[in-house]
Amino acid sequence: MNHSHHPAMHDQPETFDEVIARGFPHSELEALATAHEKRVRFRSTSVAPRLTLTTVAATIRTDQAALPIPLQTAFRNAVVHLVDEGKYLPLVQLHMDMSHNMHGSMGEVGLYRFLAWHRRYLVEFEREIQRADAILRPTSTEKLGIPYWRWQDPFPEWLAGFLPAKDPNSGQTPPSRKNAPPPSKANATDIDTIVNRFSIQNTGLAGENDYTKFTYGLEGWGLRPDGTSLPAHNHGHAWIGGIMNNTSTSPTDPIFWLHHAEVDRLWQIWRLANPTPAPRLSGSDLIMDPWAESYDDLLDIATLGYSYDSMSL
């Protein structure tokens, strides 16, 4: 399966700094929709096998701040193992293929696919680190999960300087992280606004519903009650900096998975209180290619094999 950039790709910002500076592409929605239609026509028809679902959430994703040292070590070692065996780069390349249309900077469809696509992506990575961990810790009885990073907390010290994969474009060691503003990352009040005050968001999109407002704020397009930018997903990428600031190759940095586990956890918290609202997707846009699962297939995280140790903000 080819996961390179498609030549018909509409111009996309290269960094999350640019994404934030441009804002949601309201004025480009028609051109972005046309570009998406072209990408769909050229999209590969080969689809990965469907996930084997479960009735038991065997993997518990834990707050990285409370992750025991042996599990910190196991996570780092599993990532290094994937890098060494050549399995990490293909994971990064899945995200480099923007024909999957999984970001709001790509228009309405990207906004609506953002949460479900990245949920499926996390499951793909989690199953790979579990495979690697079973090789490295064959006597372990617990499944290694992706820790999550609460954005109001400092950067995880146990990941400081940990960048084992090369930049897939240059082949060089990725640049160091910044871990500092600008922009600011979300604080506890911002996270409460994202999850509990989502209704204040004015997306400017036709037919907006509660899902639209929520994902708009969580991805990083929203406003605080005072009208200033609401820090969220996009801002976390830019705050960390280095290769995490790259909209395409950011998964090269292992903090990507912890950052998106928090996105996923906040979505799960919101869904428990708002189970009905859904994105305005139809047809092939409902399928989270390159995988076979649809948006609806990805709503029950227990059937995907995981849970979170906390459902509090």
Protein backbone atom coordinates (compact mmCIF):
# COMPACT_ATOMS: atom_id res chain seq x y z
CA MET A 1 0.00 0.00 0.00
CA ASN A 2 1.44 3.36 -0.98
CA HIS A 3 1.36 5.91 1.82
CA SER A 4 3.21 8.73 0.09
CA HIS A 5 1.77 12.17 -0.52
CA HIS A 6 -0.63 12.20 -3.44
CA PRO A 7 0.23 14.65 -6.25
CA ALA A 8 -3.33 15.99 -6.30
CA MET A 9 -3.04 17.01 -2.67
CA HIS A 10 -4.33 20.51 -1.92
CA ASP A 11 -1.64 22.66 -0.30
CA GLN A 12 -1.47 21.90 3.41
CA PRO A 13 0.39 23.72 6.18
CA GLU A 14 3.63 21.96 7.08
CA THR A 15 3.64 22.91 10.75
CA PHE A 16 1.10 23.25 13.50
CA ASP A 17 2.34 26.80 14.02
CA GLU A 18 1.02 27.48 10.50
CA VAL A 19 -2.20 25.59 11.23
CA ILE A 20 -2.86 27.79 14.25
CA ALA A 21 -1.93 30.99 12.42
CA ARG A 22 -4.25 30.21 9.49
CA GLY A 23 -7.17 29.03 11.61
CA PHE A 24 -9.91 26.77 10.34
CA PRO A 25 -9.98 27.03 6.51
CA HIS A 26 -13.51 28.44 6.15
CA SER A 27 -12.63 30.34 2.97
CA GLU A 28 -11.11 27.25 1.32
CA LEU A 29 -13.82 24.69 2.03
CA GLU A 30 -15.00 24.39 -1.58
CA ALA A 31 -11.46 23.91 -2.93
CA LEU A 32 -10.66 21.45 -0.15
CA ALA A 33 -13.82 19.46 -0.88
CA THR A 34 -12.85 19.27 -4.56
CA ALA A 35 -9.35 18.12 -3.65
CA HIS A 36 -10.84 15.49 -1.35
CA GLU A 37 -13.06 14.15 -4.13
CA LYS A 38 -10.00 13.78 -6.37
CA ARG A 39 -8.08 11.95 -3.65
CA VAL A 40 -10.98 9.57 -3.10
CA ARG A 41 -10.98 8.69 -6.80
CA PHE A 42 -7.26 7.84 -6.65
CA ARG A 43 -7.49 6.09 -3.27
CA SER A 44 -6.33 2.48 -3.15
CA THR A 45 -9.16 -0.02 -3.01
CA SER A 46 -7.08 -2.44 -0.93
CA VAL A 47 -8.24 -2.45 2.66
CA ALA A 48 -6.60 -3.98 5.72
CA PRO A 49 -8.39 -6.84 7.48
CA ARG A 50 -10.92 -5.82 10.08
CA LEU A 51 -9.91 -5.74 13.73
CA THR A 52 -10.70 -8.72 15.87
CA LEU A 53 -13.05 -7.25 18.45
CA THR A 54 -13.28 -8.32 22.07
CA THR A 55 -15.74 -8.13 24.94
CA VAL A 56 -13.03 -7.42 27.52
CA ALA A 57 -11.00 -4.22 27.72
CA ALA A 58 -7.76 -6.09 28.46
CA THR A 59 -5.53 -3.04 28.07
CA ILE A 60 -5.71 -0.20 30.58
CA ARG A 61 -4.30 3.10 29.37
CA THR A 62 -2.75 4.90 32.32
CA ASP A 63 -1.91 8.50 33.15
CA GLN A 64 1.77 8.77 32.26
CA ALA A 65 2.41 10.68 35.50
CA ALA A 66 1.40 7.57 37.47
CA LEU A 67 2.99 5.02 35.15
CA PRO A 68 5.31 2.70 37.12
CA ILE A 69 8.98 2.88 36.14
CA PRO A 70 8.99 -0.71 34.76
CA LEU A 71 6.17 0.22 32.37
CA GLN A 72 7.95 3.43 31.36
CA THR A 73 10.92 1.26 30.46
CA ALA A 74 8.73 -1.30 28.69
CA PHE A 75 7.12 1.41 26.56
CA ARG A 76 10.47 2.91 25.53
CA ASN A 77 11.94 -0.50 24.80
CA ALA A 78 8.93 -1.52 22.68
CA VAL A 79 9.26 1.65 20.58
CA VAL A 80 13.00 1.06 20.11
CA HIS A 81 12.25 -2.53 19.09
CA LEU A 82 9.77 -1.34 16.45
CA VAL A 83 12.34 1.15 15.14
CA ASP A 84 15.07 -1.49 15.02
CA GLU A 85 12.94 -4.05 13.19
CA GLY A 86 11.74 -1.49 10.65
CA LYS A 87 8.12 -1.50 11.81
CA TYR A 88 7.96 2.02 13.22
CA LEU A 89 8.50 3.87 9.94
CA PRO A 90 5.44 2.30 8.25
CA LEU A 91 3.34 3.50 11.18
CA VAL A 92 4.63 7.04 10.68
CA GLN A 93 4.02 6.78 6.94
CA LEU A 94 0.33 6.04 7.55
CA HIS A 95 0.08 9.55 9.01
CA MET A 96 2.19 11.04 6.23
CA ASP A 97 -0.41 9.96 3.68
CA MET A 98 -2.79 12.89 3.81
CA SER A 99 -5.17 11.21 1.37
CA HIS A 100 -6.71 9.72 4.50
CA ASN A 101 -8.14 13.18 5.25
CA MET A 102 -7.89 13.15 9.03
CA HIS A 103 -7.36 16.79 10.01
CA GLY A 104 -9.60 19.84 10.03
CA SER A 105 -6.99 21.77 8.04
CA MET A 106 -8.17 19.59 5.14
CA GLY A 107 -11.76 20.82 5.41
CA GLU A 108 -15.05 19.62 6.82
CA VAL A 109 -14.52 15.94 6.09
CA GLY A 110 -11.13 16.04 7.81
CA LEU A 111 -12.67 17.74 10.83
CA TYR A 112 -15.35 15.06 11.08
CA ARG A 113 -12.87 12.18 10.62
CA PHE A 114 -10.21 13.52 13.02
CA LEU A 115 -11.28 11.69 16.17
CA ALA A 116 -12.24 8.29 14.77
CA TRP A 117 -9.26 8.10 12.39
CA HIS A 118 -6.77 8.78 15.14
CA ARG A 119 -8.54 6.33 17.47
CA ARG A 120 -8.01 3.58 14.91
CA TYR A 121 -4.42 4.75 14.41
CA LEU A 122 -3.73 4.47 18.15
CA VAL A 123 -5.13 0.93 18.18
CA GLU A 124 -2.77 0.02 15.33
CA PHE A 125 0.22 1.36 17.26
CA GLU A 126 -0.91 -0.18 20.54
CA ARG A 127 -1.14 -3.64 19.02
CA GLU A 128 2.34 -3.23 17.58
CA ILE A 129 3.92 -2.23 20.90
CA GLN A 130 2.11 -5.13 22.55
CA ARG A 131 3.58 -7.50 19.96
CA ALA A 132 7.05 -6.06 20.61
CA ASP A 133 6.56 -6.14 24.38
CA ALA A 134 5.58 -9.82 24.26
CA ILE A 135 8.96 -10.51 22.65
CA LEU A 136 10.85 -8.35 25.14
CA ARG A 137 8.89 -9.37 28.26
CA PRO A 138 7.61 -12.87 27.46
CA THR A 139 6.65 -13.62 31.07
CA SER A 140 4.60 -10.44 31.57
CA THR A 141 0.89 -11.04 32.15
CA GLU A 142 -0.24 -7.43 31.61
CA LYS A 143 -0.81 -5.86 28.22
CA LEU A 144 1.26 -2.76 27.55
CA GLY A 145 -0.99 0.20 26.83
CA ILE A 146 -0.43 3.69 25.47
CA PRO A 147 -0.12 6.08 28.41
CA TYR A 148 -1.92 9.39 28.13
CA TRP A 149 -0.50 12.83 28.85
CA ARG A 150 -2.80 15.32 30.54
CA TRP A 151 -2.06 18.61 28.82
CA GLN A 152 -2.18 20.58 32.06
CA ASP A 153 0.80 18.54 33.33
CA PRO A 154 4.48 19.12 32.53
CA PHE A 155 6.08 17.20 29.68
CA PRO A 156 6.77 13.59 30.78
CA GLU A 157 10.28 13.55 32.23
CA TRP A 158 10.71 9.87 31.39
CA LEU A 159 10.46 10.72 27.68
CA ALA A 160 12.92 13.63 27.80
CA GLY A 161 15.47 13.22 25.02
CA PHE A 162 13.82 10.00 23.80
CA LEU A 163 13.69 10.28 19.99
CA PRO A 164 14.79 6.87 18.67
CA ALA A 165 13.38 7.17 15.14
CA LYS A 166 14.92 9.17 12.30
CA ASP A 167 13.11 11.95 10.46
CA PRO A 168 11.51 9.99 7.58
CA ASN A 169 12.13 12.83 5.14
CA SER A 170 15.77 13.63 5.93
CA GLY A 171 16.96 10.39 7.50
CA GLN A 172 18.52 12.48 10.26
CA THR A 173 17.88 12.62 13.99
CA PRO A 174 14.81 14.81 14.60
CA PRO A 175 15.33 18.30 16.03
CA SER A 176 15.06 18.69 19.80
CA ARG A 177 11.73 19.50 21.38
CA LYS A 178 10.95 23.02 22.51
CA ASN A 179 8.42 22.25 25.28
CA ALA A 180 7.58 25.91 25.70
CA PRO A 181 5.28 28.60 24.34
CA PRO A 182 4.36 30.07 21.99
CA PRO A 183 1.71 28.85 21.77
CA SER A 184 0.49 28.02 25.25
CA LYS A 185 -0.79 24.51 25.81
CA ALA A 186 -4.16 23.83 27.39
CA ASN A 187 -4.62 24.35 31.10
CA ALA A 188 -7.29 22.76 33.31
CA THR A 189 -9.79 25.55 32.62
CA ASP A 190 -9.27 25.15 28.86
CA ILE A 191 -9.90 21.42 29.07
CA ASP A 192 -13.11 22.01 31.01
CA THR A 193 -14.17 24.45 28.28
CA ILE A 194 -13.40 21.90 25.55
CA VAL A 195 -15.39 19.10 27.19
CA ASN A 196 -18.13 20.81 29.21
CA ARG A 197 -18.64 24.16 27.48
CA PHE A 198 -18.35 22.98 23.88
CA SER A 199 -21.69 24.61 23.04
CA ILE A 200 -20.05 28.07 23.03
CA GLN A 201 -18.11 27.21 19.87
CA ASN A 202 -19.38 28.82 16.68
CA THR A 203 -17.97 26.67 13.90
CA GLY A 204 -19.55 28.58 11.04
CA LEU A 205 -20.33 25.26 9.36
CA ALA A 206 -23.70 24.43 7.86
CA GLY A 207 -25.69 21.90 9.84
CA GLU A 208 -23.37 22.08 12.84
CA ASN A 209 -24.37 19.90 15.77
CA ASP A 210 -22.89 19.17 19.19
CA TYR A 211 -20.33 16.79 17.69
CA THR A 212 -19.19 19.52 15.29
CA LYS A 213 -18.76 22.01 18.15
CA PHE A 214 -16.92 19.51 20.34
CA THR A 215 -14.45 18.22 17.76
CA TYR A 216 -13.88 21.79 16.52
CA GLY A 217 -12.73 22.80 19.99
CA LEU A 218 -10.80 19.62 20.77
CA GLU A 219 -8.78 19.69 17.56
CA GLY A 220 -7.78 23.27 18.22
CA TRP A 221 -10.03 25.63 16.24
CA GLY A 222 -12.12 26.95 19.12
CA LEU A 223 -12.22 30.05 21.26
CA ARG A 224 -12.18 30.61 24.99
CA PRO A 225 -15.18 32.41 26.51
CA ASP A 226 -13.18 35.66 26.31
CA GLY A 227 -12.74 35.24 22.56
CA THR A 228 -9.05 34.29 22.59
CA SER A 229 -7.72 31.09 21.05
CA LEU A 230 -8.61 27.93 22.98
CA PRO A 231 -5.46 25.78 23.29
CA ALA A 232 -6.08 22.12 22.44
CA HIS A 233 -4.64 19.39 20.20
CA ASN A 234 -3.01 21.66 17.59
CA HIS A 235 -1.42 23.81 20.27
CA GLY A 236 0.07 20.80 22.06
CA HIS A 237 1.89 19.80 18.88
CA ALA A 238 3.29 23.31 18.43
CA TRP A 239 4.15 23.73 22.13
CA ILE A 240 6.25 20.56 22.06
CA GLY A 241 7.91 21.63 18.83
CA GLY A 242 10.61 19.69 17.05
CA ILE A 243 9.19 17.07 14.72
CA MET A 244 5.92 17.09 16.70
CA ASN A 245 5.30 20.47 15.07
CA ASN A 246 5.25 18.80 11.65
CA THR A 247 1.68 18.04 10.53
CA SER A 248 2.83 15.01 8.53
CA THR A 249 5.74 13.36 10.35
CA SER A 250 4.81 14.15 13.98
CA PRO A 251 4.36 10.46 14.96
CA THR A 252 8.14 10.14 14.65
CA ASP A 253 8.19 11.57 18.18
CA PRO A 254 6.85 8.98 20.66
CA ILE A 255 5.05 11.71 22.64
CA PHE A 256 2.62 11.79 19.70
CA TRP A 257 0.93 8.63 20.99
CA LEU A 258 0.52 9.99 24.53
CA HIS A 259 -0.76 13.30 23.19
CA HIS A 260 -3.37 11.58 21.04
CA ALA A 261 -4.30 9.16 23.80
CA GLU A 262 -5.39 12.24 25.75
CA VAL A 263 -7.38 13.46 22.73
CA ASP A 264 -9.03 10.04 22.62
CA ARG A 265 -9.67 9.99 26.37
CA LEU A 266 -11.32 13.43 26.30
CA TRP A 267 -13.52 12.26 23.43
CA GLN A 268 -14.51 9.22 25.47
CA ILE A 269 -15.35 11.39 28.49
CA TRP A 270 -17.48 13.64 26.29
CA ARG A 271 -19.24 10.70 24.62
CA LEU A 272 -20.30 9.27 27.99
CA ALA A 273 -22.34 12.45 28.51
CA ASN A 274 -23.19 13.00 24.83
CA PRO A 275 -23.63 9.57 23.20
CA THR A 276 -25.89 10.59 20.32
CA PRO A 277 -24.27 13.44 18.31
CA ALA A 278 -22.35 12.17 15.29
CA PRO A 279 -20.26 13.68 12.48
CA ARG A 280 -21.83 14.58 9.16
CA LEU A 281 -20.14 11.82 7.19
CA SER A 282 -21.54 9.52 4.53
CA GLY A 283 -20.43 6.89 2.04
CA SER A 284 -16.72 6.11 1.88
CA ASP A 285 -15.94 9.02 4.20
CA LEU A 286 -17.35 6.93 7.05
CA ILE A 287 -14.61 4.32 6.53
CA MET A 288 -11.37 5.16 8.33
CA ASP A 289 -9.08 4.10 5.51
CA PRO A 290 -6.59 2.52 5.14
CA TRP A 291 -8.46 0.34 7.61
CA ALA A 292 -11.83 -1.33 7.15
CA GLU A 293 -13.54 0.09 10.23
CA SER A 294 -16.25 2.72 9.98
CA TYR A 295 -16.85 5.58 12.38
CA ASP A 296 -19.56 3.54 14.13
CA ASP A 297 -17.26 0.54 14.50
CA LEU A 298 -14.88 2.63 16.60
CA LEU A 299 -17.23 4.06 19.21
CA ASP A 300 -17.10 1.28 21.82
CA ILE A 301 -13.54 1.27 23.15
CA ALA A 302 -14.12 -1.88 25.20
CA THR A 303 -14.65 -3.86 21.99
CA LEU A 304 -11.39 -2.36 20.72
CA GLY A 305 -9.69 -3.88 23.75
CA TYR A 306 -8.86 -0.94 25.98
CA SER A 307 -10.09 1.38 28.70
CA TYR A 308 -8.74 4.36 30.63
CA ASP A 309 -7.76 4.34 34.27
CA SER A 310 -9.58 7.64 34.81
CA MET A 311 -12.56 9.39 33.28
CA SER A 312 -11.98 12.64 35.15
CA LEU A 313 -10.62 15.79 33.58
